[in-house]
C-alpha atoms as a PDB file:
ATOM      1  CA  MET A   1      88.080  13.488-194.787  1.00  0.00           C
ATOM      2  CA  THR A   2      85.650  14.459-192.081  1.00  0.00           C
ATOM      3  CA  LEU A   3      86.694  17.071-189.551  1.00  0.00           C
ATOM      4  CA  GLU A   4      87.095  14.319-186.953  1.00  0.00           C
ATOM      5  CA  GLN A   5      89.384  12.350-189.281  1.00  0.00           C
ATOM      6  CA  LYS A   6      91.471  15.421-190.011  1.00  0.00           C
ATOM      7  CA  VAL A   7      91.970  16.231-186.342  1.00  0.00           C
ATOM      8  CA  ALA A   8      92.735  12.610-185.408  1.00  0.00           C
ATOM      9  CA  SER A   9      95.468  12.502-188.044  1.00  0.00           C
ATOM     10  CA  MET A  10      97.284  15.306-186.188  1.00  0.00           C
ATOM     11  CA  PHE A  11      98.040  13.111-183.160  1.00  0.00           C
ATOM     12  CA  ILE A  12     101.179  11.038-182.541  1.00  0.00           C
ATOM     13  CA  VAL A  13     100.836   8.814-179.455  1.00  0.00           C
ATOM     14  CA  ARG A  14     102.612   6.004-177.647  1.00  0.00           C
ATOM     15  CA  ALA A  15     101.049   2.547-177.822  1.00  0.00           C
ATOM     16  CA  PRO A  16     101.627   0.114-174.969  1.00  0.00           C
ATOM     17  CA  GLY A  17     104.568  -2.241-174.688  1.00  0.00           C
ATOM     18  CA  LEU A  18     105.545  -4.763-177.319  1.00  0.00           C
ATOM     19  CA  ASP A  19     102.056  -5.745-178.417  1.00  0.00           C
ATOM     20  CA  GLY A  20     101.988  -5.408-182.197  1.00  0.00           C
ATOM     21  CA  ALA A  21      98.211  -5.787-182.268  1.00  0.00           C
ATOM     22  CA  ALA A  22      97.888  -2.826-179.884  1.00  0.00           C
ATOM     23  CA  TRP A  23     100.186  -0.766-182.085  1.00  0.00           C
ATOM     24  CA  GLN A  24      98.053  -1.503-185.120  1.00  0.00           C
ATOM     25  CA  ALA A  25      94.832  -0.850-183.217  1.00  0.00           C
ATOM     26  CA  THR A  26      96.152   2.540-182.151  1.00  0.00           C
ATOM     27  CA  VAL A  27      96.990   3.554-185.719  1.00  0.00           C
ATOM     28  CA  SER A  28      93.692   2.149-186.989  1.00  0.00           C
ATOM     29  CA  ARG A  29      91.884   4.850-185.005  1.00  0.00           C
ATOM     30  CA  GLY A  30      93.033   7.248-187.699  1.00  0.00           C
ATOM     31  CA  LEU A  31      95.908   8.757-185.766  1.00  0.00           C
ATOM     32  CA  GLY A  32      98.989  10.112-187.504  1.00  0.00           C
ATOM     33  CA  GLY A  33     101.381   7.601-186.035  1.00  0.00           C
ATOM     34  CA  LEU A  34     103.294   6.298-183.026  1.00  0.00           C
ATOM     35  CA  ILE A  35     106.102   7.461-180.765  1.00  0.00           C
ATOM     36  CA  LEU A  36     108.357   4.666-179.507  1.00  0.00           C
ATOM     37  CA  MET A  37     109.760   4.874-175.987  1.00  0.00           C
ATOM     38  CA  GLY A  38     111.934   2.516-173.974  1.00  0.00           C
ATOM     39  CA  GLU A  39     109.141   0.075-173.184  1.00  0.00           C
ATOM     40  CA  ASN A  40     108.453  -0.302-176.912  1.00  0.00           C
ATOM     41  CA  ILE A  41     111.971  -1.460-177.797  1.00  0.00           C
ATOM     42  CA  PRO A  42     112.600  -5.232-177.959  1.00  0.00           C
ATOM     43  CA  ALA A  43     115.975  -6.874-177.478  1.00  0.00           C
ATOM     44  CA  THR A  44     116.941  -7.139-181.137  1.00  0.00           C
ATOM     45  CA  PRO A  45     116.632  -5.003-184.273  1.00  0.00           C
ATOM     46  CA  GLU A  46     114.895  -7.877-186.031  1.00  0.00           C
ATOM     47  CA  GLU A  47     112.134  -7.953-183.422  1.00  0.00           C
ATOM     48  CA  LEU A  48     111.589  -4.203-183.695  1.00  0.00           C
ATOM     49  CA  ALA A  49     111.450  -4.405-187.491  1.00  0.00           C
ATOM     50  CA  ALA A  50     108.785  -7.085-187.206  1.00  0.00           C
ATOM     51  CA  LEU A  51     106.708  -4.901-184.883  1.00  0.00           C
ATOM     52  CA  THR A  52     106.882  -1.778-187.022  1.00  0.00           C
ATOM     53  CA  GLY A  53     106.324  -3.831-190.164  1.00  0.00           C
ATOM     54  CA  GLY A  54     102.944  -4.881-188.797  1.00  0.00           C
ATOM     55  CA  VAL A  55     101.688  -1.299-188.552  1.00  0.00           C
ATOM     56  CA  SER A  56      99.880   0.065-191.581  1.00  0.00           C
ATOM     57  CA  SER A  57      97.220   2.597-192.468  1.00  0.00           C
ATOM     58  CA  GLY A  58      96.297   0.696-195.616  1.00  0.00           C
ATOM     59  CA  ASP A  59      95.367   3.826-197.549  1.00  0.00           C
ATOM     60  CA  GLY A  60      98.520   4.931-199.352  1.00  0.00           C
ATOM     61  CA  LEU A  61      99.527   7.029-196.361  1.00  0.00           C
ATOM     62  CA  SER A  62     102.066   5.360-194.108  1.00  0.00           C
ATOM     63  CA  PRO A  63     101.729   6.021-190.383  1.00  0.00           C
ATOM     64  CA  LEU A  64     104.678   7.890-188.933  1.00  0.00           C
ATOM     65  CA  ILE A  65     106.815   5.832-186.565  1.00  0.00           C
ATOM     66  CA  ALA A  66     108.833   8.268-184.455  1.00  0.00           C
ATOM     67  CA  ILE A  67     111.556   7.987-181.828  1.00  0.00           C
ATOM     68  CA  ASP A  68     113.914  10.214-179.816  1.00  0.00           C
ATOM     69  CA  GLU A  69     117.233   8.766-180.932  1.00  0.00           C
ATOM     70  CA  GLU A  70     119.862  11.424-180.356  1.00  0.00           C
ATOM     71  CA  GLY A  71     122.626   9.106-179.231  1.00  0.00           C
ATOM     72  CA  GLY A  72     124.523   9.692-176.013  1.00  0.00           C
ATOM     73  CA  ASP A  73     122.220  10.678-173.150  1.00  0.00           C
ATOM     74  CA  VAL A  74     119.046  10.044-175.146  1.00  0.00           C
ATOM     75  CA  THR A  75     119.348   6.600-176.698  1.00  0.00           C
ATOM     76  CA  ARG A  76     116.253   4.408-176.939  1.00  0.00           C
ATOM     77  CA  LEU A  77     117.801   1.587-178.978  1.00  0.00           C
ATOM     78  CA  PRO A  78     120.302  -0.590-177.073  1.00  0.00           C
ATOM     79  CA  TYR A  79     121.795  -1.525-180.451  1.00  0.00           C
ATOM     80  CA  ASP A  80     122.631   2.086-181.339  1.00  0.00           C
ATOM     81  CA  GLY A  81     126.363   2.329-180.819  1.00  0.00           C
ATOM     82  CA  PHE A  82     126.829   5.529-182.793  1.00  0.00           C
ATOM     83  CA  ALA A  83     128.197   8.663-181.170  1.00  0.00           C
ATOM     84  CA  GLY A  84     125.959  11.283-179.599  1.00  0.00           C
ATOM     85  CA  ALA A  85     126.392  14.980-178.905  1.00  0.00           C
ATOM     86  CA  ASP A  86     128.244  14.281-175.652  1.00  0.00           C
ATOM     87  CA  SER A  87     131.259  13.360-177.785  1.00  0.00           C
ATOM     88  CA  LEU A  88     130.378  14.904-181.151  1.00  0.00           C
ATOM     89  CA  ALA A  89     130.481  18.438-179.742  1.00  0.00           C
ATOM     90  CA  ALA A  90     134.277  18.119-179.554  1.00  0.00           C
ATOM     91  CA  GLU A  91     134.668  16.399-182.930  1.00  0.00           C
ATOM     92  CA  PRO A  92     134.737  17.769-186.498  1.00  0.00           C
ATOM     93  CA  GLU A  93     131.573  18.027-188.585  1.00  0.00           C
ATOM     94  CA  SER A  94     132.473  14.836-190.427  1.00  0.00           C
ATOM     95  CA  ALA A  95     132.039  12.861-187.204  1.00  0.00           C
ATOM     96  CA  THR A  96     128.470  14.158-186.846  1.00  0.00           C
ATOM     97  CA  LEU A  97     127.751  13.278-190.458  1.00  0.00           C
ATOM     98  CA  ASP A  98     129.080   9.756-189.967  1.00  0.00           C
ATOM     99  CA  ALA A  99     127.200   9.200-186.695  1.00  0.00           C
ATOM    100  CA  PHE A 100     123.849  10.347-188.019  1.00  0.00           C
ATOM    101  CA  THR A 101     124.313   8.460-191.272  1.00  0.00           C
ATOM    102  CA  GLY A 102     124.877   5.275-189.314  1.00  0.00           C
ATOM    103  CA  ARG A 103     122.109   5.972-186.830  1.00  0.00           C
ATOM    104  CA  SER A 104     119.527   6.798-189.483  1.00  0.00           C
ATOM    105  CA  THR A 105     120.477   3.708-191.470  1.00  0.00           C
ATOM    106  CA  LEU A 106     119.778   1.659-188.342  1.00  0.00           C
ATOM    107  CA  LEU A 107     116.492   3.474-187.734  1.00  0.00           C
ATOM    108  CA  GLY A 108     115.359   2.918-191.299  1.00  0.00           C
ATOM    109  CA  SER A 109     116.201  -0.768-191.068  1.00  0.00           C
ATOM    110  CA  VAL A 110     113.948  -1.232-188.026  1.00  0.00           C
ATOM    111  CA  GLY A 111     111.024   0.679-189.553  1.00  0.00           C
ATOM    112  CA  VAL A 112     111.396   4.029-187.797  1.00  0.00           C
ATOM    113  CA  SER A 113     110.582   6.904-190.145  1.00  0.00           C
ATOM    114  CA  VAL A 114     110.872  10.038-187.975  1.00  0.00           C
ATOM    115  CA  ASN A 115     113.763  10.839-185.675  1.00  0.00           C
ATOM    116  CA  PHE A 116     113.200  13.506-183.044  1.00  0.00           C
ATOM    117  CA  GLY A 117     116.959  13.415-182.777  1.00  0.00           C
ATOM    118  CA  VAL A 118     118.681  16.588-183.988  1.00  0.00           C
ATOM    119  CA  VAL A 119     119.191  18.931-181.046  1.00  0.00           C
ATOM    120  CA  ALA A 120     119.634  22.450-182.408  1.00  0.00           C
ATOM    121  CA  ASP A 121     119.789  24.050-178.964  1.00  0.00           C
ATOM    122  CA  VAL A 122     123.050  25.694-177.900  1.00  0.00           C
ATOM    123  CA  THR A 123     124.516  26.415-174.479  1.00  0.00           C
ATOM    124  CA  ALA A 124     127.943  26.764-172.946  1.00  0.00           C
ATOM    125  CA  ASP A 125     126.545  26.269-169.441  1.00  0.00           C
ATOM    126  CA  PRO A 126     127.306  22.821-167.971  1.00  0.00           C
ATOM    127  CA  ALA A 127     124.520  23.439-165.434  1.00  0.00           C
ATOM    128  CA  SER A 128     121.912  23.289-168.190  1.00  0.00           C
ATOM    129  CA  PHE A 129     120.097  19.969-168.424  1.00  0.00           C
ATOM    130  CA  ILE A 130     120.442  20.190-172.215  1.00  0.00           C
ATOM    131  CA  PHE A 131     124.226  20.839-172.185  1.00  0.00           C
ATOM    132  CA  SER A 132     125.410  17.285-172.915  1.00  0.00           C
ATOM    133  CA  ARG A 133     122.837  16.944-175.719  1.00  0.00           C
ATOM    134  CA  THR A 134     123.954  19.972-177.732  1.00  0.00           C
ATOM    135  CA  LEU A 135     126.266  19.803-180.733  1.00  0.00           C
ATOM    136  CA  GLY A 136     128.146  22.916-179.719  1.00  0.00           C
ATOM    137  CA  PRO A 137     128.359  25.656-177.083  1.00  0.00           C
ATOM    138  CA  ASP A 138     127.477  28.453-179.496  1.00  0.00           C
ATOM    139  CA  ALA A 139     125.761  29.076-182.805  1.00  0.00           C
ATOM    140  CA  ALA A 140     128.934  29.151-184.876  1.00  0.00           C
ATOM    141  CA  THR A 141     130.030  25.755-183.595  1.00  0.00           C
ATOM    142  CA  ALA A 142     126.652  24.033-183.523  1.00  0.00           C
ATOM    143  CA  ALA A 143     125.106  25.238-186.790  1.00  0.00           C
ATOM    144  CA  PRO A 144     127.342  23.285-189.198  1.00  0.00           C
ATOM    145  CA  LYS A 145     127.011  20.147-187.084  1.00  0.00           C
ATOM    146  CA  VAL A 146     123.221  20.460-187.059  1.00  0.00           C
ATOM    147  CA  ALA A 147     123.369  20.694-190.852  1.00  0.00           C
ATOM    148  CA  ALA A 148     125.652  17.638-190.918  1.00  0.00           C
ATOM    149  CA  ALA A 149     123.225  15.647-188.765  1.00  0.00           C
ATOM    150  CA  VAL A 150     120.374  16.485-191.131  1.00  0.00           C
ATOM    151  CA  ALA A 151     122.525  15.549-194.121  1.00  0.00           C
ATOM    152  CA  GLY A 152     123.333  12.218-192.500  1.00  0.00           C
ATOM    153  CA  GLU A 153     119.653  11.399-192.041  1.00  0.00           C
ATOM    154  CA  LYS A 154     118.555  12.575-195.478  1.00  0.00           C
ATOM    155  CA  GLY A 155     116.612   9.955-197.417  1.00  0.00           C
ATOM    156  CA  ARG A 156     116.681   7.487-194.519  1.00  0.00           C
ATOM    157  CA  VAL A 157     114.458   9.069-191.875  1.00  0.00           C
ATOM    158  CA  PHE A 158     112.679  12.406-191.580  1.00  0.00           C
ATOM    159  CA  SER A 159     114.824  14.794-189.520  1.00  0.00           C
ATOM    160  CA  THR A 160     113.425  16.833-186.641  1.00  0.00           C
ATOM    161  CA  LEU A 161     115.102  19.924-185.212  1.00  0.00           C
ATOM    162  CA  LYS A 162     114.432  20.598-181.531  1.00  0.00           C
ATOM    163  CA  HIS A 163     113.594  22.336-179.211  1.00  0.00           C
ATOM    164  CA  PHE A 164     112.509  25.485-181.076  1.00  0.00           C
ATOM    165  CA  PRO A 165     113.098  28.340-180.418  1.00  0.00           C
ATOM    166  CA  GLY A 166     116.010  27.078-178.308  1.00  0.00           C
ATOM    167  CA  HIS A 167     116.359  25.492-174.887  1.00  0.00           C
ATOM    168  CA  GLY A 168     119.933  26.550-174.235  1.00  0.00           C
ATOM    169  CA  GLU A 169     119.011  29.957-172.842  1.00  0.00           C
ATOM    170  CA  SER A 170     117.671  28.361-169.638  1.00  0.00           C
ATOM    171  CA  THR A 171     118.986  25.859-167.126  1.00  0.00           C
ATOM    172  CA  ASP A 172     115.424  24.858-166.196  1.00  0.00           C
ATOM    173  CA  ASP A 173     113.994  21.543-167.364  1.00  0.00           C
ATOM    174  CA  SER A 174     110.795  21.845-169.415  1.00  0.00           C
ATOM    175  CA  HIS A 175     109.758  18.349-168.351  1.00  0.00           C
ATOM    176  CA  THR A 176     108.769  19.820-164.976  1.00  0.00           C
ATOM    177  CA  SER A 177     108.431  23.562-165.599  1.00  0.00           C
ATOM    178  CA  VAL A 178     107.920  26.187-168.269  1.00  0.00           C
ATOM    179  CA  PRO A 179     111.351  27.857-168.421  1.00  0.00           C
ATOM    180  CA  GLN A 180     111.078  31.642-168.388  1.00  0.00           C
ATOM    181  CA  ILE A 181     113.716  33.175-170.646  1.00  0.00           C
ATOM    182  CA  ASP A 182     114.572  36.878-170.627  1.00  0.00           C
ATOM    183  CA  VAL A 183     115.955  37.048-174.162  1.00  0.00           C
ATOM    184  CA  ASP A 184     114.550  39.337-176.812  1.00  0.00           C
ATOM    185  CA  LEU A 185     114.233  38.655-180.522  1.00  0.00           C
ATOM    186  CA  GLY A 186     117.596  40.246-181.301  1.00  0.00           C
ATOM    187  CA  GLY A 187     119.395  38.052-178.794  1.00  0.00           C
ATOM    188  CA  TRP A 188     117.577  34.985-180.097  1.00  0.00           C
ATOM    189  CA  ARG A 189     118.498  35.786-183.688  1.00  0.00           C
ATOM    190  CA  ALA A 190     122.179  36.011-182.780  1.00  0.00           C
ATOM    191  CA  ARG A 191     122.530  33.082-180.369  1.00  0.00           C
ATOM    192  CA  ASP A 192     119.758  30.565-180.973  1.00  0.00           C
ATOM    193  CA  ALA A 193     118.396  30.915-184.491  1.00  0.00           C
ATOM    194  CA  PRO A 194     121.456  29.969-186.603  1.00  0.00           C
ATOM    195  CA  PRO A 195     121.496  26.217-185.850  1.00  0.00           C
ATOM    196  CA  PHE A 196     117.785  25.967-186.624  1.00  0.00           C
ATOM    197  CA  LYS A 197     118.275  27.938-189.820  1.00  0.00           C
ATOM    198  CA  ALA A 198     121.164  25.667-190.804  1.00  0.00           C
ATOM    199  CA  GLY A 199     119.022  22.569-190.282  1.00  0.00           C
ATOM    200  CA  ILE A 200     116.094  24.073-192.176  1.00  0.00           C
ATOM    201  CA  ASP A 201     118.324  25.050-195.072  1.00  0.00           C
ATOM    202  CA  GLY A 202     119.697  21.504-194.993  1.00  0.00           C
ATOM    203  CA  GLY A 203     116.224  20.088-195.565  1.00  0.00           C
ATOM    204  CA  ALA A 204     114.944  19.026-192.143  1.00  0.00           C
ATOM    205  CA  GLU A 205     111.350  17.912-192.576  1.00  0.00           C
ATOM    206  CA  LEU A 206     110.100  18.690-189.046  1.00  0.00           C
ATOM    207  CA  VAL A 207     110.673  21.215-186.273  1.00  0.00           C
ATOM    208  CA  MET A 208     109.687  20.417-182.681  1.00  0.00           C
ATOM    209  CA  PHE A 209     108.411  23.255-180.491  1.00  0.00           C
ATOM    210  CA  GLY A 210     109.549  23.405-176.887  1.00  0.00           C
ATOM    211  CA  HIS A 211     107.429  24.209-173.853  1.00  0.00           C
ATOM    212  CA  LEU A 212     109.508  27.271-172.963  1.00  0.00           C
ATOM    213  CA  ALA A 213     108.766  30.970-172.948  1.00  0.00           C
ATOM    214  CA  TYR A 214     110.928  33.807-174.280  1.00  0.00           C
ATOM    215  CA  ILE A 215     109.120  36.440-172.254  1.00  0.00           C
ATOM    216  CA  PRO A 216     110.040  39.557-174.328  1.00  0.00           C
ATOM    217  CA  VAL A 217     108.750  37.822-177.477  1.00  0.00           C
ATOM    218  CA  ASP A 218     105.687  36.024-176.093  1.00  0.00           C
ATOM    219  CA  PRO A 219     104.970  35.094-172.449  1.00  0.00           C
ATOM    220  CA  GLN A 220     103.254  31.909-173.602  1.00  0.00           C
ATOM    221  CA  PRO A 221     105.246  28.697-174.120  1.00  0.00           C
ATOM    222  CA  ALA A 222     106.522  28.580-177.706  1.00  0.00           C
ATOM    223  CA  SER A 223     104.503  25.414-178.255  1.00  0.00           C
ATOM    224  CA  LEU A 224     101.341  27.455-177.689  1.00  0.00           C
ATOM    225  CA  SER A 225     102.538  30.615-179.430  1.00  0.00           C
ATOM    226  CA  SER A 226     101.345  31.691-182.854  1.00  0.00           C
ATOM    227  CA  THR A 227     104.043  34.377-182.705  1.00  0.00           C
ATOM    228  CA  TRP A 228     106.839  31.796-182.655  1.00  0.00           C
ATOM    229  CA  HIS A 229     105.173  29.748-185.367  1.00  0.00           C
ATOM    230  CA  SER A 230     105.065  32.836-187.557  1.00  0.00           C
ATOM    231  CA  ILE A 231     108.744  33.541-186.866  1.00  0.00           C
ATOM    232  CA  LEU A 232     109.663  29.989-187.846  1.00  0.00           C
ATOM    233  CA  ARG A 233     107.745  30.163-191.104  1.00  0.00           C
ATOM    234  CA  ASP A 234     108.165  33.803-192.114  1.00  0.00           C
ATOM    235  CA  GLU A 235     111.660  34.561-190.840  1.00  0.00           C
ATOM    236  CA  LEU A 236     113.424  31.183-191.054  1.00  0.00           C
ATOM    237  CA  GLY A 237     111.480  30.038-194.114  1.00  0.00           C
ATOM    238  CA  PHE A 238     110.359  26.680-192.759  1.00  0.00           C
ATOM    239  CA  THR A 239     107.641  25.049-194.887  1.00  0.00           C
ATOM    240  CA  GLY A 240     107.618  21.579-193.318  1.00  0.00           C
ATOM    241  CA  VAL A 241     105.761  19.947-190.434  1.00  0.00           C
ATOM    242  CA  THR A 242     105.700  21.397-186.922  1.00  0.00           C
ATOM    243  CA  VAL A 243     105.280  19.126-183.911  1.00  0.00           C
ATOM    244  CA  THR A 244     104.944  19.803-180.205  1.00  0.00           C
ATOM    245  CA  ASP A 245     107.191  18.344-177.581  1.00  0.00           C
ATOM    246  CA  ASP A 246     105.304  15.835-175.424  1.00  0.00           C
ATOM    247  CA  MET A 247     102.053  17.540-174.490  1.00  0.00           C
ATOM    248  CA  GLY A 248     102.003  15.739-171.142  1.00  0.00           C
ATOM    249  CA  MET A 249     104.944  17.867-170.056  1.00  0.00           C
ATOM    250  CA  LEU A 250     102.640  20.875-169.766  1.00  0.00           C
ATOM    251  CA  GLU A 251     100.418  19.077-167.278  1.00  0.00           C
ATOM    252  CA  ALA A 252     103.489  17.813-165.418  1.00  0.00           C
ATOM    253  CA  THR A 253     104.472  21.389-164.558  1.00  0.00           C
ATOM    254  CA  GLY A 254     101.638  21.478-162.040  1.00  0.00           C
ATOM    255  CA  LEU A 255     100.718  24.961-163.186  1.00  0.00           C
ATOM    256  CA  PRO A 256      96.941  25.478-163.134  1.00  0.00           C
ATOM    257  CA  GLU A 257      96.857  27.122-166.559  1.00  0.00           C
ATOM    258  CA  TYR A 258      98.063  23.853-168.124  1.00  0.00           C
ATOM    259  CA  ALA A 259      96.040  21.406-166.028  1.00  0.00           C
ATOM    260  CA  ASN A 260      93.420  20.767-168.714  1.00  0.00           C
ATOM    261  CA  PRO A 261      94.814  18.534-171.493  1.00  0.00           C
ATOM    262  CA  ASP A 262      91.963  19.362-173.864  1.00  0.00           C
ATOM    263  CA  GLU A 263      92.565  23.101-173.484  1.00  0.00           C
ATOM    264  CA  ASN A 264      96.296  22.577-174.042  1.00  0.00           C
ATOM    265  CA  ALA A 265      95.564  20.726-177.283  1.00  0.00           C
ATOM    266  CA  ILE A 266      93.199  23.434-178.519  1.00  0.00           C
ATOM    267  CA  ARG A 267      95.811  26.102-177.852  1.00  0.00           C
ATOM    268  CA  ALA A 268      98.544  24.050-179.522  1.00  0.00           C
ATOM    269  CA  VAL A 269      96.509  23.551-182.691  1.00  0.00           C
ATOM    270  CA  ALA A 270      95.397  27.190-182.784  1.00  0.00           C
ATOM    271  CA  ALA A 271      99.051  28.267-182.460  1.00  0.00           C
ATOM    272  CA  GLY A 272      99.989  26.415-185.628  1.00  0.00           C
ATOM    273  CA  ASN A 273     101.276  22.967-184.660  1.00  0.00           C
ATOM    274  CA  ASP A 274     100.711  20.351-187.352  1.00  0.00           C
ATOM    275  CA  LEU A 275     101.259  17.368-185.053  1.00  0.00           C
ATOM    276  CA  LEU A 276     100.615  16.951-181.329  1.00  0.00           C
ATOM    277  CA  LEU A 277     102.830  14.455-179.479  1.00  0.00           C
ATOM    278  CA  TYR A 278     101.622  12.370-176.534  1.00  0.00           C
ATOM    279  CA  VAL A 279     104.103  10.090-174.789  1.00  0.00           C
ATOM    280  CA  THR A 280     101.581   9.227-172.084  1.00  0.00           C
ATOM    281  CA  PRO A 281      98.210   9.596-173.773  1.00  0.00           C
ATOM    282  CA  GLY A 282      95.181  10.116-171.612  1.00  0.00           C
ATOM    283  CA  ASP A 283      91.715  10.169-173.147  1.00  0.00           C
ATOM    284  CA  ILE A 284      92.832  10.965-176.700  1.00  0.00           C
ATOM    285  CA  ASP A 285      89.313  10.527-178.062  1.00  0.00           C
ATOM    286  CA  ALA A 286      88.070  13.222-175.685  1.00  0.00           C
ATOM    287  CA  THR A 287      90.927  15.527-176.663  1.00  0.00           C
ATOM    288  CA  ILE A 288      90.231  15.019-180.364  1.00  0.00           C
ATOM    289  CA  SER A 289      86.563  15.805-179.723  1.00  0.00           C
ATOM    290  CA  ALA A 290      87.547  18.962-177.868  1.00  0.00           C
ATOM    291  CA  VAL A 291      89.631  20.181-180.808  1.00  0.00           C
ATOM    292  CA  VAL A 292      86.793  19.357-183.199  1.00  0.00           C
ATOM    293  CA  GLY A 293      84.448  21.358-180.982  1.00  0.00           C
ATOM    294  CA  ALA A 294      86.825  24.300-181.019  1.00  0.00           C
ATOM    295  CA  VAL A 295      86.760  24.278-184.809  1.00  0.00           C
ATOM    296  CA  GLU A 296      82.980  24.001-184.933  1.00  0.00           C
ATOM    297  CA  SER A 297      82.607  26.906-182.486  1.00  0.00           C
ATOM    298  CA  GLY A 298      84.960  29.101-184.523  1.00  0.00           C
ATOM    299  CA  ARG A 299      87.716  29.220-181.936  1.00  0.00           C
ATOM    300  CA  ILE A 300      90.041  27.465-184.395  1.00  0.00           C
ATOM    301  CA  ASP A 301      89.773  28.457-188.057  1.00  0.00           C
ATOM    302  CA  SER A 302      89.069  25.417-190.220  1.00  0.00           C
ATOM    303  CA  ALA A 303      91.775  26.636-192.606  1.00  0.00           C
ATOM    304  CA  VAL A 304      94.331  26.091-189.837  1.00  0.00           C
ATOM    305  CA  ILE A 305      93.301  22.437-189.666  1.00  0.00           C
ATOM    306  CA  ASP A 306      93.350  22.021-193.432  1.00  0.00           C
ATOM    307  CA  ASP A 307      96.821  23.550-193.751  1.00  0.00           C
ATOM    308  CA  ALA A 308      98.205  21.363-190.966  1.00  0.00           C
ATOM    309  CA  VAL A 309      96.647  18.172-192.251  1.00  0.00           C
ATOM    310  CA  THR A 310      97.835  18.867-195.792  1.00  0.00           C
ATOM    311  CA  ARG A 311     101.426  19.113-194.557  1.00  0.00           C
ATOM    312  CA  ASP A 312     101.024  15.991-192.415  1.00  0.00           C
ATOM    313  CA  LEU A 313      99.512  13.919-195.205  1.00  0.00           C
ATOM    314  CA  GLU A 314     102.127  15.057-197.705  1.00  0.00           C
ATOM    315  CA  LEU A 315     104.812  13.779-195.328  1.00  0.00           C
ATOM    316  CA  ARG A 316     103.018  10.473-194.865  1.00  0.00           C
ATOM    317  CA  ARG A 317     102.481  10.148-198.628  1.00  0.00           C
ATOM    318  CA  THR A 318     106.175  10.788-199.235  1.00  0.00           C
ATOM    319  CA  LEU A 319     106.946   8.038-196.736  1.00  0.00           C
ATOM    320  CA  TRP A 320     104.532   5.610-198.380  1.00  0.00           C
ATOM    321  CA  LEU A 321     106.068   6.232-201.808  1.00  0.00           C
ATOM    322  CA  ARG A 322     109.535   5.744-200.340  1.00  0.00           C
ATOM    323  CA  GLN A 323     108.392   2.423-198.915  1.00  0.00           C
ATOM    324  CA  HIS A 324     106.719   1.392-202.179  1.00  0.00           C
ATOM    325  CA  PRO A 325     109.209   2.517-204.851  1.00  0.00           C
ATOM    326  CA  ASP A 326     107.769   0.243-207.521  1.00  0.00           C
ATOM    327  CA  THR A 327     104.281   1.744-207.347  1.00  0.00           C
ATOM    328  CA  ALA A 328     103.045   2.787-210.770  1.00  0.00           C
ATOM    329  CA  PHE A 329     100.449   5.486-211.482  1.00  0.00           C
END
């Protein structure tokens, strides 16, 4: 692969509407895959399966088709009737297992391969915007349910834990701000880390980084922090694929330090993200070129790109083999 091809494969973007040709054209640019939002969801599961079935890389590496399908407050599919965290938080672990088994079976049947759907955040504060999306008010309650959600999705879709290192410590919404959290590493280890560790130990394939800053650990947003990426890998033992939350959220804060989308992407890649997510993509070609330029100038080590792309391609190869079980070598 050329450097440009490697970098392009690190991007997950939203294609417009219900135009299958546009979906395929987007993937054909060499991108890693698609994120489906509300406007991409047709009225029936059969229609969605037809759309996703028309998207292919044609090279033994399936494109990733991702969605935020938590259930409850965050439900993209109108035909998803399975319980979400708003009710599961008060139910036994078996209810979470059942819900995510059913949900992931539905997702697999319509051609979705990645679910950004396992919220590992914890908070007991009803004022937090994430409160109704958490599987428990504390680590002890949430951790086994996070593990159950991952177990329910296993073998059907790739599970994603979010929003690392944990959104429950702040009531602020990272869609419009960068929450500033005054929690040190010891406090994080006790209150926020256990659900992520439980999901990682359960085999979650991806971890999504939030645009939120634990000031005593690193004043930068975790999504742009090499420190937090090192903690995830070295302390929690995660070896899978890391992905940013929607990169457009940084620009939406209105803060001048995040006004340049190309600079945000460079910082996100340099920090250690394997995939960059764009719900509302701007000039993706320009952003890819900017990351390539940062590698060529030495700002980003080429080994960082190679490590990220290797993890990404291994995930896509695993997906392709799952979709082609009769392939002989």
